[in-house]
Amino acid sequence: MGTTLVTARSSHRILRYGQWTPRPRVEGVSWHDLLYVNSDLHSPCFSNDRLEDCWVHTHGNQISFRQRGYRRFIQYLSWVFLGAAPHEVRKDPAGYYGQPFVEHIGSVVYATVIGPTAATKLLQDYMTHREHFLSCVRNATLNPMDWDSFAGSEDNIVKDLMDSYDNWIRAFAVASETGIVYTQYKSVKSLP
């Protein structure tokens, strides 16, 4: 069983471009603040941020949260707003360009990096569509057995989905304009 660790930092700077190269040594910078961004970690919609095959130093304000059921959350978001499964969006992100949440849904399921341009757009999407998402969640038939990581009744599932939604709003608020959001899949045993 695993969970997804989501971290947003308010600022970043690109240290070095190139295929996987040794971790750069930067005076006074913790290795936790260095991130290698593989070009496979994001969809083509993110090209404005130039986060491809590079080492990034993340710094500034930080928010982190754990999200169990990340794949389910993204699937639900995709069906509600795009009417398609996430793998369909990832196959053809240009076909969904301009629609809400496509940058988030079109990214890799477990590990992704979202730069400031996409974070600013996604913050607007999340803020604009919150009430619609809440309405859809409240009116949906949510079977707790389908949401194995969300224990309890439908009310608990609705609360967990909305908590996840609101956590993403906070993450994108921290990263918008100059920051970065990145996710990492972790096994429960490896988390503190």
N, C-alpha and C. Protein backbone atom coordinates (compact mmCIF):
# COMPACT_ATOMS: atom_id res chain seq x y z
N MET A 1 0.85 -1.18 0.00
CA MET A 1 0.00 0.00 0.00
C MET A 1 0.89 1.23 0.00
N GLY A 2 0.54 2.23 -0.77
CA GLY A 2 1.35 3.44 -0.84
C GLY A 2 0.50 4.69 -0.78
N THR A 3 1.20 5.78 -0.79
CA THR A 3 0.56 7.08 -0.77
C THR A 3 1.39 8.02 -1.63
N THR A 4 0.81 9.13 -2.00
CA THR A 4 1.51 10.11 -2.80
C THR A 4 1.83 11.30 -1.91
N LEU A 5 3.09 11.69 -1.89
CA LEU A 5 3.53 12.84 -1.13
C LEU A 5 3.59 14.02 -2.10
N VAL A 6 2.85 15.06 -1.80
CA VAL A 6 2.79 16.25 -2.65
C VAL A 6 3.50 17.38 -1.93
N THR A 7 4.42 18.05 -2.62
CA THR A 7 5.16 19.16 -2.05
C THR A 7 5.08 20.34 -3.00
N ALA A 8 4.81 21.51 -2.46
CA ALA A 8 4.82 22.75 -3.25
C ALA A 8 5.81 23.70 -2.61
N ARG A 9 6.64 24.31 -3.43
CA ARG A 9 7.61 25.31 -2.97
C ARG A 9 7.34 26.60 -3.71
N SER A 10 7.56 27.73 -3.05
CA SER A 10 7.19 29.02 -3.63
C SER A 10 8.20 29.55 -4.64
N SER A 11 9.37 28.94 -4.72
CA SER A 11 10.36 29.44 -5.67
C SER A 11 11.28 28.30 -6.12
N HIS A 12 11.83 28.46 -7.30
CA HIS A 12 12.79 27.48 -7.81
C HIS A 12 13.72 28.16 -8.80
N ARG A 13 14.88 27.55 -8.99
CA ARG A 13 15.78 28.00 -10.05
C ARG A 13 16.41 26.77 -10.68
N ILE A 14 16.56 26.83 -11.97
CA ILE A 14 17.15 25.71 -12.70
C ILE A 14 18.66 25.82 -12.59
N LEU A 15 19.29 24.75 -12.14
CA LEU A 15 20.74 24.73 -11.95
C LEU A 15 21.50 24.24 -13.17
N ARG A 16 20.97 23.19 -13.79
CA ARG A 16 21.71 22.58 -14.89
C ARG A 16 20.76 21.77 -15.76
N TYR A 17 20.90 21.88 -17.07
CA TYR A 17 20.14 21.08 -18.01
C TYR A 17 20.97 19.89 -18.45
N GLY A 18 20.32 18.85 -18.93
CA GLY A 18 21.02 17.70 -19.47
C GLY A 18 20.43 16.41 -18.97
N GLN A 19 20.71 15.34 -19.69
CA GLN A 19 20.25 14.03 -19.25
C GLN A 19 20.75 13.78 -17.84
N TRP A 20 20.24 12.73 -17.23
CA TRP A 20 20.58 12.44 -15.84
C TRP A 20 22.07 12.61 -15.60
N THR A 21 22.40 13.60 -14.82
CA THR A 21 23.78 13.89 -14.48
C THR A 21 23.92 13.82 -12.96
N PRO A 22 25.13 13.74 -12.45
CA PRO A 22 25.27 13.67 -10.99
C PRO A 22 24.62 14.87 -10.30
N ARG A 23 24.13 14.63 -9.09
CA ARG A 23 23.50 15.70 -8.30
C ARG A 23 24.51 16.83 -8.11
N PRO A 24 24.12 18.07 -8.45
CA PRO A 24 25.06 19.18 -8.27
C PRO A 24 25.28 19.47 -6.78
N ARG A 25 26.45 19.95 -6.48
CA ARG A 25 26.74 20.36 -5.10
C ARG A 25 26.63 21.88 -5.05
N VAL A 26 25.74 22.35 -4.19
CA VAL A 26 25.52 23.78 -4.06
C VAL A 26 25.76 24.14 -2.60
N GLU A 27 26.64 25.07 -2.38
CA GLU A 27 27.00 25.48 -1.02
C GLU A 27 25.75 25.93 -0.25
N GLY A 28 25.55 25.35 0.92
CA GLY A 28 24.46 25.76 1.79
C GLY A 28 23.09 25.23 1.41
N VAL A 29 23.01 24.32 0.44
CA VAL A 29 21.73 23.78 -0.02
C VAL A 29 21.62 22.32 0.39
N SER A 30 20.53 21.97 1.07
CA SER A 30 20.28 20.59 1.47
C SER A 30 19.92 19.75 0.25
N TRP A 31 20.29 18.47 0.28
CA TRP A 31 19.96 17.60 -0.86
C TRP A 31 18.44 17.45 -1.00
N HIS A 32 17.67 17.70 0.09
CA HIS A 32 16.20 17.64 0.00
C HIS A 32 15.65 18.75 -0.90
N ASP A 33 16.41 19.82 -1.07
CA ASP A 33 15.96 20.95 -1.87
C ASP A 33 16.36 20.85 -3.33
N LEU A 34 17.05 19.75 -3.69
CA LEU A 34 17.45 19.55 -5.08
C LEU A 34 16.55 18.49 -5.70
N LEU A 35 16.09 18.75 -6.89
CA LEU A 35 15.15 17.87 -7.56
C LEU A 35 15.58 17.70 -9.00
N TYR A 36 15.65 16.44 -9.45
CA TYR A 36 15.92 16.20 -10.87
C TYR A 36 14.59 16.04 -11.59
N VAL A 37 14.38 16.79 -12.64
CA VAL A 37 13.14 16.74 -13.41
C VAL A 37 13.41 16.03 -14.72
N ASN A 38 12.91 14.83 -14.84
CA ASN A 38 13.01 14.04 -16.05
C ASN A 38 11.93 14.52 -17.01
N SER A 39 12.21 14.62 -18.27
CA SER A 39 11.22 15.10 -19.24
C SER A 39 9.99 14.21 -19.29
N ASP A 40 10.10 12.97 -18.81
CA ASP A 40 8.94 12.07 -18.79
C ASP A 40 7.98 12.36 -17.65
N LEU A 41 8.34 13.26 -16.75
CA LEU A 41 7.51 13.52 -15.57
C LEU A 41 6.38 14.50 -15.80
N HIS A 42 6.25 15.03 -16.99
CA HIS A 42 5.16 15.96 -17.20
C HIS A 42 4.67 15.88 -18.64
N SER A 43 3.49 16.40 -18.85
CA SER A 43 2.91 16.35 -20.19
C SER A 43 3.44 17.50 -21.03
N PRO A 44 3.26 17.46 -22.34
CA PRO A 44 3.73 18.54 -23.21
C PRO A 44 3.09 19.88 -22.90
N CYS A 45 1.98 19.89 -22.18
CA CYS A 45 1.31 21.16 -21.83
C CYS A 45 2.19 22.03 -20.94
N PHE A 46 3.24 21.46 -20.36
CA PHE A 46 4.05 22.20 -19.41
C PHE A 46 5.28 22.82 -20.04
N SER A 47 5.40 22.80 -21.34
CA SER A 47 6.64 23.23 -21.99
C SER A 47 6.97 24.70 -21.72
N ASN A 48 5.99 25.52 -21.35
CA ASN A 48 6.27 26.93 -21.07
C ASN A 48 7.22 27.10 -19.89
N ASP A 49 7.25 26.14 -18.98
CA ASP A 49 8.08 26.25 -17.79
C ASP A 49 9.50 25.73 -17.99
N ARG A 50 9.78 25.15 -19.15
CA ARG A 50 11.12 24.65 -19.49
C ARG A 50 11.69 23.71 -18.44
N LEU A 51 10.85 22.84 -17.91
CA LEU A 51 11.28 21.88 -16.90
C LEU A 51 11.48 20.52 -17.56
N GLU A 52 12.56 20.39 -18.28
CA GLU A 52 12.86 19.14 -18.97
C GLU A 52 14.31 18.76 -18.76
N ASP A 53 14.52 17.57 -18.22
CA ASP A 53 15.87 17.05 -18.01
C ASP A 53 16.79 18.10 -17.37
N CYS A 54 16.44 18.48 -16.15
CA CYS A 54 17.24 19.49 -15.47
C CYS A 54 17.23 19.27 -13.96
N TRP A 55 18.24 19.83 -13.30
CA TRP A 55 18.29 19.87 -11.85
C TRP A 55 17.71 21.20 -11.41
N VAL A 56 16.85 21.14 -10.39
CA VAL A 56 16.17 22.33 -9.90
C VAL A 56 16.45 22.47 -8.41
N HIS A 57 16.76 23.70 -8.00
CA HIS A 57 16.87 24.02 -6.58
C HIS A 57 15.54 24.64 -6.15
N THR A 58 14.84 23.98 -5.23
CA THR A 58 13.56 24.49 -4.73
C THR A 58 13.81 25.18 -3.39
N HIS A 59 13.13 26.28 -3.18
CA HIS A 59 13.30 27.02 -1.93
C HIS A 59 12.08 27.89 -1.69
N GLY A 60 12.08 28.59 -0.58
CA GLY A 60 10.95 29.46 -0.23
C GLY A 60 9.91 28.71 0.59
N ASN A 61 8.74 29.32 0.69
CA ASN A 61 7.65 28.71 1.46
C ASN A 61 7.33 27.33 0.92
N GLN A 62 6.90 26.45 1.83
CA GLN A 62 6.62 25.06 1.45
C GLN A 62 5.34 24.59 2.09
N ILE A 63 4.59 23.79 1.33
CA ILE A 63 3.45 23.06 1.88
C ILE A 63 3.59 21.62 1.37
N SER A 64 3.36 20.68 2.25
CA SER A 64 3.41 19.26 1.88
C SER A 64 2.19 18.58 2.46
N PHE A 65 1.68 17.63 1.73
CA PHE A 65 0.59 16.81 2.25
C PHE A 65 0.65 15.43 1.61
N ARG A 66 0.09 14.47 2.30
CA ARG A 66 0.01 13.10 1.78
C ARG A 66 -1.38 12.89 1.23
N GLN A 67 -1.44 12.23 0.10
CA GLN A 67 -2.74 11.93 -0.49
C GLN A 67 -2.83 10.46 -0.81
N ARG A 68 -3.64 9.79 -0.03
CA ARG A 68 -3.94 8.39 -0.35
C ARG A 68 -5.03 8.42 -1.41
N GLY A 69 -5.00 7.47 -2.30
CA GLY A 69 -6.01 7.43 -3.35
C GLY A 69 -5.83 8.50 -4.41
N TYR A 70 -4.59 8.90 -4.66
CA TYR A 70 -4.31 9.95 -5.64
C TYR A 70 -4.84 9.59 -7.02
N ARG A 71 -4.63 8.35 -7.44
CA ARG A 71 -5.11 7.92 -8.76
C ARG A 71 -6.62 8.02 -8.85
N ARG A 72 -7.31 7.60 -7.81
CA ARG A 72 -8.78 7.68 -7.81
C ARG A 72 -9.24 9.13 -7.88
N PHE A 73 -8.57 10.00 -7.13
CA PHE A 73 -8.93 11.42 -7.16
C PHE A 73 -8.78 11.98 -8.57
N ILE A 74 -7.66 11.67 -9.23
CA ILE A 74 -7.42 12.17 -10.59
C ILE A 74 -8.43 11.57 -11.56
N GLN A 75 -8.76 10.29 -11.41
CA GLN A 75 -9.76 9.67 -12.27
C GLN A 75 -11.11 10.37 -12.11
N TYR A 76 -11.49 10.62 -10.88
CA TYR A 76 -12.78 11.27 -10.64
C TYR A 76 -12.79 12.68 -11.22
N LEU A 77 -11.72 13.43 -10.99
CA LEU A 77 -11.59 14.78 -11.53
C LEU A 77 -11.69 14.76 -13.06
N SER A 78 -11.04 13.78 -13.67
CA SER A 78 -11.04 13.65 -15.12
C SER A 78 -12.43 13.37 -15.67
N TRP A 79 -13.14 12.44 -15.05
CA TRP A 79 -14.48 12.11 -15.53
C TRP A 79 -15.44 13.27 -15.34
N VAL A 80 -15.34 13.97 -14.21
CA VAL A 80 -16.26 15.07 -13.93
C VAL A 80 -16.06 16.23 -14.90
N PHE A 81 -14.80 16.60 -15.18
CA PHE A 81 -14.55 17.81 -15.95
C PHE A 81 -14.18 17.59 -17.41
N LEU A 82 -13.64 16.43 -17.75
CA LEU A 82 -13.23 16.19 -19.14
C LEU A 82 -14.04 15.09 -19.81
N GLY A 83 -14.76 14.31 -19.02
CA GLY A 83 -15.56 13.22 -19.58
C GLY A 83 -14.72 12.12 -20.19
N ALA A 84 -13.50 11.98 -19.71
CA ALA A 84 -12.59 10.97 -20.27
C ALA A 84 -11.71 10.42 -19.15
N ALA A 85 -11.16 9.24 -19.39
CA ALA A 85 -10.23 8.64 -18.44
C ALA A 85 -8.88 9.35 -18.53
N PRO A 86 -8.13 9.40 -17.42
CA PRO A 86 -6.83 10.09 -17.45
C PRO A 86 -5.87 9.57 -18.51
N HIS A 87 -5.87 8.25 -18.78
CA HIS A 87 -4.94 7.74 -19.79
C HIS A 87 -5.28 8.28 -21.18
N GLU A 88 -6.55 8.57 -21.45
CA GLU A 88 -6.93 9.17 -22.73
C GLU A 88 -6.41 10.60 -22.84
N VAL A 89 -6.46 11.32 -21.73
CA VAL A 89 -5.95 12.69 -21.71
C VAL A 89 -4.44 12.69 -21.90
N ARG A 90 -3.74 11.75 -21.27
CA ARG A 90 -2.28 11.68 -21.42
C ARG A 90 -1.86 11.31 -22.84
N LYS A 91 -2.70 10.50 -23.53
CA LYS A 91 -2.37 10.13 -24.91
C LYS A 91 -2.44 11.34 -25.84
N ASP A 92 -3.42 12.23 -25.59
CA ASP A 92 -3.63 13.37 -26.47
C ASP A 92 -3.93 14.63 -25.67
N PRO A 93 -2.95 15.16 -24.92
CA PRO A 93 -3.23 16.35 -24.11
C PRO A 93 -3.62 17.56 -24.95
N ALA A 94 -3.10 17.65 -26.18
CA ALA A 94 -3.44 18.79 -27.04
C ALA A 94 -4.93 18.79 -27.38
N GLY A 95 -5.55 17.62 -27.45
CA GLY A 95 -6.98 17.54 -27.74
C GLY A 95 -7.85 18.09 -26.62
N TYR A 96 -7.29 18.21 -25.43
CA TYR A 96 -8.03 18.73 -24.28
C TYR A 96 -7.52 20.10 -23.85
N TYR A 97 -6.58 20.64 -24.61
CA TYR A 97 -5.95 21.90 -24.22
C TYR A 97 -6.99 22.99 -24.02
N GLY A 98 -6.82 23.78 -22.96
CA GLY A 98 -7.74 24.87 -22.66
C GLY A 98 -8.87 24.49 -21.73
N GLN A 99 -9.07 23.19 -21.53
CA GLN A 99 -10.11 22.75 -20.61
C GLN A 99 -9.56 22.71 -19.19
N PRO A 100 -10.45 22.75 -18.20
CA PRO A 100 -9.96 22.78 -16.83
C PRO A 100 -9.23 21.49 -16.44
N PHE A 101 -8.20 21.65 -15.66
CA PHE A 101 -7.45 20.56 -15.02
C PHE A 101 -6.64 19.69 -15.98
N VAL A 102 -6.59 20.01 -17.25
CA VAL A 102 -5.90 19.12 -18.20
C VAL A 102 -4.42 19.00 -17.87
N GLU A 103 -3.80 20.06 -17.35
CA GLU A 103 -2.38 19.99 -17.00
C GLU A 103 -2.15 19.04 -15.82
N HIS A 104 -3.09 18.97 -14.92
CA HIS A 104 -2.96 18.07 -13.77
C HIS A 104 -3.30 16.64 -14.17
N ILE A 105 -4.39 16.46 -14.86
CA ILE A 105 -4.84 15.13 -15.26
C ILE A 105 -3.88 14.54 -16.30
N GLY A 106 -3.33 15.37 -17.16
CA GLY A 106 -2.45 14.89 -18.22
C GLY A 106 -1.05 14.55 -17.77
N SER A 107 -0.75 14.78 -16.52
CA SER A 107 0.59 14.47 -16.02
C SER A 107 0.66 13.00 -15.60
N VAL A 108 1.85 12.55 -15.30
CA VAL A 108 2.07 11.16 -14.90
C VAL A 108 1.32 10.89 -13.60
N VAL A 109 0.81 9.68 -13.46
CA VAL A 109 -0.07 9.36 -12.33
C VAL A 109 0.61 9.49 -10.97
N TYR A 110 1.79 8.90 -10.79
CA TYR A 110 2.38 8.86 -9.46
C TYR A 110 3.43 9.93 -9.21
N ALA A 111 4.17 10.32 -10.21
CA ALA A 111 5.24 11.29 -10.01
C ALA A 111 5.16 12.33 -11.10
N THR A 112 5.01 13.56 -10.70
CA THR A 112 4.90 14.62 -11.68
C THR A 112 5.53 15.89 -11.14
N VAL A 113 5.84 16.81 -12.03
CA VAL A 113 6.35 18.12 -11.67
C VAL A 113 5.51 19.14 -12.42
N ILE A 114 5.02 20.12 -11.69
CA ILE A 114 4.19 21.17 -12.27
C ILE A 114 4.87 22.50 -11.99
N GLY A 115 5.21 23.21 -13.04
CA GLY A 115 5.91 24.49 -12.92
C GLY A 115 4.96 25.65 -12.67
N PRO A 116 5.50 26.86 -12.59
CA PRO A 116 4.71 28.02 -12.20
C PRO A 116 3.60 28.42 -13.18
N THR A 117 3.83 28.27 -14.47
CA THR A 117 2.80 28.64 -15.44
C THR A 117 1.59 27.74 -15.30
N ALA A 118 1.83 26.44 -15.26
CA ALA A 118 0.74 25.49 -15.09
C ALA A 118 0.09 25.62 -13.71
N ALA A 119 0.91 25.86 -12.66
CA ALA A 119 0.36 26.00 -11.31
C ALA A 119 -0.58 27.20 -11.22
N THR A 120 -0.23 28.29 -11.87
CA THR A 120 -1.10 29.48 -11.87
C THR A 120 -2.42 29.18 -12.57
N LYS A 121 -2.34 28.49 -13.71
CA LYS A 121 -3.56 28.12 -14.44
C LYS A 121 -4.40 27.14 -13.64
N LEU A 122 -3.75 26.15 -13.02
CA LEU A 122 -4.48 25.15 -12.24
C LEU A 122 -5.10 25.76 -10.98
N LEU A 123 -4.43 26.73 -10.36
CA LEU A 123 -5.02 27.42 -9.21
C LEU A 123 -6.33 28.07 -9.62
N GLN A 124 -6.33 28.72 -10.77
CA GLN A 124 -7.56 29.35 -11.27
C GLN A 124 -8.63 28.30 -11.54
N ASP A 125 -8.26 27.17 -12.15
CA ASP A 125 -9.22 26.10 -12.41
C ASP A 125 -9.82 25.57 -11.11
N TYR A 126 -8.96 25.29 -10.13
CA TYR A 126 -9.45 24.76 -8.86
C TYR A 126 -10.36 25.75 -8.15
N MET A 127 -10.01 27.02 -8.15
CA MET A 127 -10.84 28.03 -7.49
C MET A 127 -12.18 28.20 -8.21
N THR A 128 -12.16 28.25 -9.51
CA THR A 128 -13.37 28.48 -10.31
C THR A 128 -14.35 27.33 -10.21
N HIS A 129 -13.86 26.09 -10.19
CA HIS A 129 -14.73 24.92 -10.31
C HIS A 129 -15.00 24.18 -9.00
N ARG A 130 -14.64 24.80 -7.87
CA ARG A 130 -14.81 24.12 -6.58
C ARG A 130 -16.27 23.76 -6.30
N GLU A 131 -17.17 24.70 -6.49
CA GLU A 131 -18.59 24.46 -6.19
C GLU A 131 -19.17 23.38 -7.09
N HIS A 132 -18.78 23.37 -8.36
CA HIS A 132 -19.25 22.33 -9.27
C HIS A 132 -18.75 20.96 -8.83
N PHE A 133 -17.47 20.88 -8.45
CA PHE A 133 -16.91 19.62 -7.97
C PHE A 133 -17.64 19.15 -6.72
N LEU A 134 -17.88 20.05 -5.78
CA LEU A 134 -18.59 19.71 -4.55
C LEU A 134 -19.99 19.20 -4.86
N SER A 135 -20.67 19.85 -5.79
CA SER A 135 -22.02 19.42 -6.19
C SER A 135 -21.99 18.03 -6.80
N CYS A 136 -21.02 17.77 -7.66
CA CYS A 136 -20.90 16.45 -8.29
C CYS A 136 -20.60 15.37 -7.25
N VAL A 137 -19.72 15.68 -6.32
CA VAL A 137 -19.35 14.71 -5.29
C VAL A 137 -20.55 14.41 -4.39
N ARG A 138 -21.29 15.43 -4.03
CA ARG A 138 -22.46 15.24 -3.15
C ARG A 138 -23.56 14.43 -3.82
N ASN A 139 -23.71 14.61 -5.13
CA ASN A 139 -24.80 13.94 -5.85
C ASN A 139 -24.41 12.60 -6.44
N ALA A 140 -23.16 12.25 -6.35
CA ALA A 140 -22.69 10.98 -6.91
C ALA A 140 -22.99 9.84 -5.95
N THR A 141 -23.12 8.66 -6.51
CA THR A 141 -23.22 7.45 -5.70
C THR A 141 -21.81 6.93 -5.53
N LEU A 142 -21.25 7.11 -4.34
CA LEU A 142 -19.88 6.72 -4.07
C LEU A 142 -19.89 5.48 -3.19
N ASN A 143 -19.47 4.38 -3.76
CA ASN A 143 -19.43 3.12 -3.03
C ASN A 143 -18.12 3.05 -2.26
N PRO A 144 -18.18 2.97 -0.91
CA PRO A 144 -16.94 2.91 -0.13
C PRO A 144 -16.01 1.76 -0.53
N MET A 145 -16.56 0.69 -1.05
CA MET A 145 -15.70 -0.43 -1.48
C MET A 145 -14.84 -0.05 -2.68
N ASP A 146 -15.32 0.88 -3.52
CA ASP A 146 -14.53 1.33 -4.66
C ASP A 146 -13.41 2.26 -4.24
N TRP A 147 -13.52 2.84 -3.06
CA TRP A 147 -12.54 3.81 -2.57
C TRP A 147 -11.81 3.18 -1.39
N ASP A 148 -11.11 2.10 -1.67
CA ASP A 148 -10.52 1.30 -0.61
C ASP A 148 -9.60 2.08 0.33
N SER A 149 -9.04 3.19 -0.12
CA SER A 149 -8.19 3.95 0.78
C SER A 149 -8.97 4.99 1.58
N PHE A 150 -10.23 5.16 1.24
CA PHE A 150 -11.10 6.06 1.99
C PHE A 150 -12.07 5.19 2.79
N ALA A 151 -11.77 4.98 4.05
CA ALA A 151 -12.60 4.10 4.88
C ALA A 151 -13.86 4.82 5.32
N GLY A 152 -14.94 4.06 5.46
CA GLY A 152 -16.16 4.62 6.04
C GLY A 152 -17.27 4.82 5.05
N SER A 153 -18.15 5.72 5.41
CA SER A 153 -19.37 5.95 4.66
C SER A 153 -19.15 6.91 3.50
N GLU A 154 -20.23 7.13 2.74
CA GLU A 154 -20.17 8.09 1.64
C GLU A 154 -19.81 9.48 2.13
N ASP A 155 -20.30 9.85 3.32
CA ASP A 155 -19.98 11.18 3.87
C ASP A 155 -18.49 11.34 4.09
N ASN A 156 -17.82 10.29 4.55
CA ASN A 156 -16.37 10.35 4.74
C ASN A 156 -15.64 10.47 3.41
N ILE A 157 -16.15 9.80 2.40
CA ILE A 157 -15.53 9.88 1.08
C ILE A 157 -15.65 11.30 0.53
N VAL A 158 -16.84 11.89 0.67
CA VAL A 158 -17.05 13.27 0.22
C VAL A 158 -16.09 14.20 0.95
N LYS A 159 -15.96 14.04 2.25
CA LYS A 159 -15.05 14.88 3.04
C LYS A 159 -13.61 14.69 2.58
N ASP A 160 -13.19 13.44 2.37
CA ASP A 160 -11.82 13.18 1.92
C ASP A 160 -11.55 13.77 0.53
N LEU A 161 -12.51 13.65 -0.37
CA LEU A 161 -12.34 14.21 -1.71
C LEU A 161 -12.22 15.74 -1.64
N MET A 162 -13.05 16.36 -0.83
CA MET A 162 -13.00 17.82 -0.73
C MET A 162 -11.73 18.27 0.00
N ASP A 163 -11.27 17.50 0.98
CA ASP A 163 -10.00 17.83 1.63
C ASP A 163 -8.85 17.76 0.62
N SER A 164 -8.86 16.73 -0.23
CA SER A 164 -7.84 16.61 -1.27
C SER A 164 -7.91 17.79 -2.22
N TYR A 165 -9.11 18.13 -2.64
CA TYR A 165 -9.31 19.25 -3.56
C TYR A 165 -8.75 20.54 -2.95
N ASP A 166 -9.09 20.79 -1.68
CA ASP A 166 -8.62 22.01 -1.01
C ASP A 166 -7.11 22.00 -0.79
N ASN A 167 -6.52 20.83 -0.54
CA ASN A 167 -5.06 20.75 -0.42
C ASN A 167 -4.38 21.14 -1.72
N TRP A 168 -4.97 20.72 -2.84
CA TRP A 168 -4.40 21.10 -4.14
C TRP A 168 -4.51 22.60 -4.35
N ILE A 169 -5.59 23.22 -3.90
CA ILE A 169 -5.70 24.69 -4.01
C ILE A 169 -4.56 25.35 -3.24
N ARG A 170 -4.31 24.88 -2.02
CA ARG A 170 -3.22 25.45 -1.22
C ARG A 170 -1.85 25.23 -1.90
N ALA A 171 -1.64 24.05 -2.43
CA ALA A 171 -0.36 23.76 -3.10
C ALA A 171 -0.15 24.67 -4.31
N PHE A 172 -1.17 24.82 -5.13
CA PHE A 172 -1.02 25.66 -6.31
C PHE A 172 -0.91 27.14 -5.95
N ALA A 173 -1.52 27.54 -4.84
CA ALA A 173 -1.38 28.92 -4.38
C ALA A 173 0.07 29.21 -3.99
N VAL A 174 0.72 28.27 -3.34
CA VAL A 174 2.13 28.44 -2.95
C VAL A 174 3.01 28.48 -4.20
N ALA A 175 2.73 27.64 -5.17
CA ALA A 175 3.61 27.50 -6.33
C ALA A 175 3.31 28.45 -7.48
N SER A 176 2.17 29.10 -7.47
CA SER A 176 1.82 29.94 -8.61
C SER A 176 2.83 31.09 -8.77
N GLU A 177 3.05 31.47 -9.98
CA GLU A 177 3.93 32.55 -10.42
C GLU A 177 5.42 32.17 -10.46
N THR A 178 6.00 31.67 -9.37
CA THR A 178 7.45 31.39 -9.39
C THR A 178 7.82 30.03 -8.82
N GLY A 179 6.86 29.25 -8.38
CA GLY A 179 7.17 28.01 -7.66
C GLY A 179 7.05 26.75 -8.48
N ILE A 180 6.97 25.66 -7.75
CA ILE A 180 6.94 24.34 -8.37
C ILE A 180 6.19 23.39 -7.44
N VAL A 181 5.43 22.46 -8.03
CA VAL A 181 4.74 21.41 -7.28
C VAL A 181 5.27 20.09 -7.79
N TYR A 182 5.61 19.19 -6.89
CA TYR A 182 6.06 17.87 -7.33
C TYR A 182 5.46 16.81 -6.44
N THR A 183 5.20 15.67 -7.04
CA THR A 183 4.62 14.54 -6.31
C THR A 183 5.57 13.37 -6.40
N GLN A 184 5.54 12.56 -5.35
CA GLN A 184 6.37 11.36 -5.30
C GLN A 184 5.55 10.24 -4.71
N TYR A 185 5.59 9.08 -5.32
CA TYR A 185 4.91 7.92 -4.78
C TYR A 185 5.80 7.28 -3.73
N LYS A 186 5.25 7.04 -2.56
CA LYS A 186 6.00 6.44 -1.47
C LYS A 186 5.23 5.27 -0.90
N SER A 187 5.94 4.24 -0.49
CA SER A 187 5.27 3.19 0.24
C SER A 187 5.03 3.71 1.66
N VAL A 188 3.97 3.23 2.28
CA VAL A 188 3.64 3.71 3.61
C VAL A 188 4.78 3.47 4.59
N LYS A 189 5.52 2.38 4.40
CA LYS A 189 6.63 2.06 5.30
C LYS A 189 7.75 3.10 5.24
N SER A 190 7.91 3.77 4.11
CA SER A 190 9.03 4.70 3.97
C SER A 190 8.69 6.11 4.46
N LEU A 191 7.43 6.37 4.78
CA LEU A 191 7.05 7.70 5.25
C LEU A 191 7.35 7.85 6.74
N PRO A 192 7.72 9.07 7.17
CA PRO A 192 8.00 9.27 8.59
C PRO A 192 6.75 9.19 9.44
